[in-house]
Protein backbone atom coordinates (compact mmCIF):
# COMPACT_ATOMS: atom_id res chain seq x y z
CA MET A 1 1.98 -101.14 -0.34
CA PHE A 2 4.79 -103.59 -1.21
CA GLY A 3 8.25 -102.06 -1.58
CA ALA A 4 7.25 -99.08 0.54
CA GLY A 5 10.78 -98.20 1.61
CA GLY A 6 12.16 -97.66 -1.90
CA ARG A 7 12.05 -94.39 -3.80
CA MET A 8 9.17 -95.50 -6.00
CA GLY A 9 7.34 -97.17 -3.13
CA SER A 10 7.55 -94.14 -0.86
CA THR A 11 6.33 -91.92 -3.72
CA VAL A 12 3.31 -94.20 -4.16
CA CYS A 13 2.63 -94.15 -0.41
CA ARG A 14 2.70 -90.35 -0.40
CA ALA A 15 0.32 -90.14 -3.38
CA ILE A 16 -2.17 -92.51 -1.77
CA ALA A 17 -1.95 -90.74 1.59
CA ASP A 18 -2.59 -87.38 -0.10
CA ASP A 19 -5.61 -88.56 -2.10
CA PRO A 20 -8.87 -87.68 -0.28
CA ASP A 21 -10.63 -90.75 -1.71
CA LEU A 22 -8.03 -93.26 -0.49
CA GLU A 23 -6.54 -94.32 2.82
CA LEU A 24 -3.04 -95.67 3.27
CA VAL A 25 -3.34 -98.43 5.87
CA ALA A 26 -0.14 -100.51 5.66
CA ALA A 27 3.36 -100.58 4.19
CA VAL A 28 5.49 -103.68 3.59
CA ASP A 29 9.21 -103.85 2.86
CA PRO A 30 11.47 -106.41 4.59
CA HIS A 31 14.53 -104.28 3.77
CA HIS A 32 13.11 -101.30 5.70
CA MET A 33 11.13 -103.12 8.38
CA GLY A 34 10.46 -101.11 11.52
CA ILE A 35 10.96 -97.68 9.99
CA ASP A 36 8.27 -95.13 10.80
CA LEU A 37 6.80 -94.28 7.39
CA ARG A 38 6.56 -90.63 8.45
CA GLN A 39 10.32 -90.43 8.04
CA LEU A 40 9.83 -91.05 4.33
CA ILE A 41 6.58 -89.34 3.40
CA GLY A 42 5.53 -87.08 6.28
CA GLU A 43 2.44 -86.88 8.47
CA GLY A 44 0.14 -88.58 5.96
CA ALA A 45 1.56 -91.87 7.26
CA ALA A 46 0.90 -91.18 10.93
CA GLY A 47 1.01 -94.40 12.94
CA ILE A 48 2.27 -96.65 10.14
CA GLN A 49 5.47 -98.60 10.58
CA ILE A 50 6.92 -100.51 7.63
CA ALA A 51 6.21 -104.20 8.18
CA GLY A 52 8.31 -107.14 7.07
CA ASP A 53 5.60 -109.35 5.54
CA ALA A 54 2.27 -109.23 3.76
CA HIS A 55 0.21 -110.21 6.78
CA ALA A 56 0.34 -106.54 7.81
CA LEU A 57 -2.09 -105.90 4.95
CA SER A 58 -4.58 -108.38 6.38
CA ARG A 59 -4.28 -106.95 9.87
CA ALA A 60 -4.93 -103.45 8.49
CA GLY A 61 -7.90 -104.54 6.37
CA ALA A 62 -6.32 -103.50 3.07
CA GLN A 63 -8.58 -103.87 0.03
CA VAL A 64 -5.94 -103.08 -2.63
CA ALA A 65 -2.19 -103.75 -2.56
CA VAL A 66 0.27 -101.89 -4.78
CA ASP A 67 3.48 -103.67 -5.75
CA PHE A 68 6.63 -101.88 -6.93
CA THR A 69 9.34 -104.41 -6.08
CA ALA A 70 11.34 -106.84 -8.22
CA ALA A 71 9.92 -109.74 -10.21
CA PRO A 72 10.88 -112.56 -7.76
CA ALA A 73 9.33 -110.69 -4.83
CA ALA A 74 6.30 -109.66 -6.87
CA ARG A 75 5.52 -113.27 -7.73
CA GLN A 76 5.30 -114.13 -4.04
CA ASN A 77 3.39 -110.96 -3.17
CA LEU A 78 0.80 -111.47 -5.89
CA SER A 79 0.29 -115.09 -4.93
CA TRP A 80 -0.43 -113.90 -1.39
CA CYS A 81 -2.88 -111.26 -2.68
CA ALA A 82 -4.80 -113.78 -4.77
CA GLU A 83 -5.01 -116.25 -1.88
CA ASN A 84 -6.10 -113.54 0.59
CA LYS A 85 -8.60 -111.81 -1.70
CA VAL A 86 -6.74 -108.51 -1.92
CA HIS A 87 -6.87 -106.69 -5.27
CA ALA A 88 -3.44 -105.91 -6.72
CA VAL A 89 -1.97 -103.05 -8.75
CA VAL A 90 1.45 -103.93 -10.13
CA GLY A 91 4.15 -101.67 -11.55
CA THR A 92 6.97 -104.17 -11.14
CA THR A 93 8.80 -104.88 -14.38
CA GLY A 94 10.39 -108.14 -15.51
CA LEU A 95 7.22 -110.25 -15.30
CA THR A 96 7.09 -112.81 -18.11
CA GLU A 97 4.25 -114.12 -20.26
CA ASP A 98 4.26 -117.20 -18.03
CA ASP A 99 3.82 -114.92 -15.02
CA LEU A 100 0.85 -113.22 -16.66
CA ALA A 101 -0.68 -116.60 -17.51
CA SER A 102 -0.32 -117.60 -13.87
CA LEU A 103 -1.97 -114.36 -12.72
CA ARG A 104 -4.92 -114.99 -15.05
CA LYS A 105 -5.48 -118.30 -13.29
CA SER A 106 -4.99 -116.87 -9.80
CA PHE A 107 -7.02 -113.68 -9.93
CA VAL A 108 -10.54 -115.01 -10.22
CA ASP A 109 -13.73 -115.13 -8.16
CA GLY A 110 -13.88 -111.44 -7.39
CA VAL A 111 -10.22 -110.68 -6.74
CA ASN A 112 -8.61 -108.61 -9.49
CA CYS A 113 -5.20 -107.46 -10.67
CA VAL A 114 -3.92 -104.61 -12.86
CA VAL A 115 -0.41 -104.96 -14.28
CA ALA A 116 1.03 -101.99 -16.17
CA PRO A 117 4.58 -101.72 -17.53
CA ASN A 118 4.25 -97.93 -17.30
CA PHE A 119 1.84 -95.86 -15.22
CA ALA A 120 2.66 -92.53 -16.87
CA ILE A 121 -0.44 -91.55 -18.84
CA GLY A 122 1.79 -89.86 -21.43
CA ALA A 123 3.62 -93.15 -21.97
CA VAL A 124 0.32 -94.97 -22.48
CA LEU A 125 -0.61 -92.40 -25.13
CA MET A 126 2.83 -92.76 -26.74
CA MET A 127 2.23 -96.50 -27.17
CA ARG A 128 -1.20 -95.85 -28.62
CA PHE A 129 0.17 -93.26 -31.07
CA ALA A 130 2.89 -95.70 -32.18
CA GLU A 131 0.27 -98.39 -32.70
CA LEU A 132 -1.81 -96.03 -34.85
CA ALA A 133 1.23 -94.99 -36.90
CA ALA A 134 2.62 -98.48 -37.47
CA PRO A 135 0.55 -99.46 -40.57
CA TRP A 136 1.79 -96.37 -42.41
CA PHE A 137 5.52 -97.07 -42.06
CA GLU A 138 7.83 -99.87 -43.17
CA THR A 139 10.63 -99.65 -40.60
CA ALA A 140 10.66 -98.88 -36.90
CA GLU A 141 13.00 -98.94 -33.92
CA VAL A 142 12.40 -98.33 -30.22
CA ILE A 143 14.93 -96.63 -27.97
CA GLU A 144 14.26 -96.80 -24.24
CA LEU A 145 16.36 -94.86 -21.75
CA HIS A 146 16.37 -95.38 -17.98
CA HIS A 147 18.38 -94.68 -14.85
CA ASP A 148 21.42 -96.86 -14.29
CA GLY A 149 19.80 -98.71 -11.38
CA LYS A 150 17.25 -100.49 -13.59
CA ILE A 151 18.12 -104.18 -13.67
CA ASP A 152 16.05 -105.43 -16.64
CA ALA A 153 16.47 -104.61 -20.31
CA PRO A 154 14.65 -103.91 -22.49
CA SER A 155 11.97 -102.25 -20.39
CA GLY A 156 8.47 -103.65 -20.22
CA THR A 157 7.19 -100.50 -21.91
CA ALA A 158 9.52 -100.99 -24.88
CA MET A 159 8.54 -104.63 -25.29
CA LEU A 160 4.83 -103.86 -25.08
CA THR A 161 5.23 -100.99 -27.57
CA ALA A 162 6.94 -103.25 -30.11
CA GLU A 163 4.36 -105.98 -29.56
CA ARG A 164 1.43 -103.65 -30.14
CA MET A 165 3.07 -102.16 -33.23
CA ALA A 166 3.62 -105.66 -34.61
CA VAL A 167 -0.05 -106.53 -34.10
CA ALA A 168 -1.09 -103.31 -35.84
CA SER A 169 1.27 -104.00 -38.77
CA PRO A 170 2.76 -107.50 -39.15
CA ASP A 171 4.96 -106.66 -42.17
CA TRP A 172 8.21 -104.80 -41.54
CA ALA A 173 11.11 -104.34 -43.93
CA PRO A 174 14.09 -106.64 -43.22
CA ASP A 175 17.30 -105.38 -41.62
CA HIS A 176 20.01 -105.38 -44.31
CA THR A 177 22.91 -105.02 -41.86
CA THR A 178 25.48 -107.71 -42.67
CA ASP A 179 28.58 -106.36 -40.98
CA GLU A 180 28.00 -105.71 -37.27
CA VAL A 181 31.39 -104.31 -36.26
CA LEU A 182 30.45 -104.29 -32.58
CA ALA A 183 28.23 -107.17 -31.44
CA GLY A 184 24.87 -105.90 -30.29
CA ALA A 185 25.20 -102.56 -32.07
CA ARG A 186 21.83 -103.08 -33.75
CA GLY A 187 20.10 -103.74 -30.46
CA GLY A 188 17.76 -106.62 -29.77
CA SER A 189 15.31 -107.87 -32.38
CA THR A 190 11.73 -108.65 -31.43
CA PRO A 191 9.94 -111.51 -33.26
CA SER A 192 8.46 -108.98 -35.69
CA GLY A 193 11.88 -107.58 -36.55
CA ILE A 194 11.40 -104.26 -34.74
CA ARG A 195 14.71 -103.41 -33.06
CA VAL A 196 14.82 -102.30 -29.42
CA HIS A 197 17.76 -100.42 -27.89
CA SER A 198 18.30 -99.93 -24.14
CA VAL A 199 20.23 -97.00 -22.66
CA ARG A 200 21.19 -96.86 -18.97
CA LEU A 201 22.48 -93.52 -17.70
CA ARG A 202 22.76 -91.97 -14.27
CA GLY A 203 20.47 -88.96 -14.01
CA LEU A 204 17.67 -90.35 -16.19
CA VAL A 205 14.32 -91.58 -14.87
CA ALA A 206 12.26 -93.18 -17.67
CA HIS A 207 12.21 -92.17 -21.33
CA GLN A 208 11.28 -93.75 -24.63
CA GLU A 209 11.39 -92.77 -28.30
CA VAL A 210 9.73 -94.65 -31.14
CA LEU A 211 11.26 -93.98 -34.55
CA LEU A 212 9.27 -94.88 -37.68
CA GLY A 213 10.45 -94.44 -41.25
CA THR A 214 9.27 -94.85 -44.79
CA THR A 215 10.30 -93.40 -48.15
CA GLY A 216 11.06 -89.71 -47.79
CA GLN A 217 9.86 -89.24 -44.23
CA SER A 218 10.19 -90.28 -40.61
CA LEU A 219 8.14 -89.89 -37.47
CA SER A 220 9.43 -89.65 -33.90
CA ILE A 221 7.15 -90.26 -30.91
CA ARG A 222 8.79 -89.59 -27.55
CA HIS A 223 7.77 -89.56 -23.92
CA ASP A 224 9.88 -88.42 -20.96
CA SER A 225 9.30 -88.93 -17.25
CA TYR A 226 11.54 -86.54 -15.34
CA ASP A 227 10.31 -87.50 -11.89
CA ARG A 228 8.61 -90.50 -10.31
CA VAL A 229 5.58 -88.35 -9.54
CA SER A 230 4.74 -88.65 -13.27
CA PHE A 231 3.54 -92.20 -12.59
CA MET A 232 1.23 -91.31 -9.70
CA PRO A 233 -1.92 -90.22 -11.60
CA GLY A 234 -1.93 -93.58 -13.38
CA VAL A 235 -1.31 -95.50 -10.16
CA LEU A 236 -4.23 -93.72 -8.49
CA VAL A 237 -6.49 -94.45 -11.47
CA ALA A 238 -5.61 -98.15 -11.21
CA VAL A 239 -6.07 -98.31 -7.43
CA LYS A 240 -9.54 -96.80 -7.73
CA ALA A 241 -10.57 -98.90 -10.75
CA VAL A 242 -9.13 -102.36 -10.06
CA ALA A 243 -12.15 -103.57 -8.08
CA ASP A 244 -14.40 -102.96 -11.11
CA HIS A 245 -12.24 -104.82 -13.65
CA PRO A 246 -12.55 -108.59 -13.20
CA GLY A 247 -9.53 -110.85 -13.41
CA LEU A 248 -6.25 -109.63 -14.89
CA THR A 249 -5.97 -106.33 -16.75
CA VAL A 250 -2.68 -105.62 -18.53
CA GLY A 251 -1.95 -101.95 -19.20
CA LEU A 252 -3.80 -98.75 -18.34
CA ASP A 253 -5.48 -98.53 -21.74
CA THR A 254 -8.73 -100.15 -20.69
CA LEU A 255 -8.92 -98.09 -17.52
CA LEU A 256 -8.41 -94.88 -19.53
CA GLY A 257 -10.88 -95.87 -22.25
CA LEU A 258 -8.24 -96.02 -25.00
């Protein structure tokens, strides 16, 4: 586990340790090196100290590494995984299309990688519902809301939602706003013209609403994660499935059969 000392990382460690089909064998986080993992997650981490580098995974015989860090660290961690034949499950946001292209080249010859912008199964369904609805509406906007510690905007989930909606329906009505009193008030525009708005508030975790409108009606599709444990069922699905999905898999959809 990369990023084991953070709130998300320790939640992932606890979920893996509690799953009867999995074994937590190592934890890596240079910012929390030397800490007994039991201090963070309890007895399920007996004997595991947080290490400062990825070689702890090799020494422990890890077959799958989970990465919830930041994009610069994830790039290094995933390069190490590919070189050392360790499957990877990635929840780190901020990875670019160039990063994904690089991962497609790196994860070959029996070593695999799953990258998902959101591991909440409800969020995956929200994106699928928005994709299904898109051809029936002429305008759409995405509002994503996260805790104030999130450093990237818009979220990967919001960008993937807009991208999938644009593929499902390439024609969207133009924005007729000509007088933007406050710069940025209309949010960011994706290539398709779907607007994305980012909210950062203390007390939130991860939330997203997709608004679709056409003559005489609108549709709202919303998902809310109130706690980081909401992501754990999806993480566990990915950890158990990554070995059977060759190369790079982006999103949980394939793993869930959607």
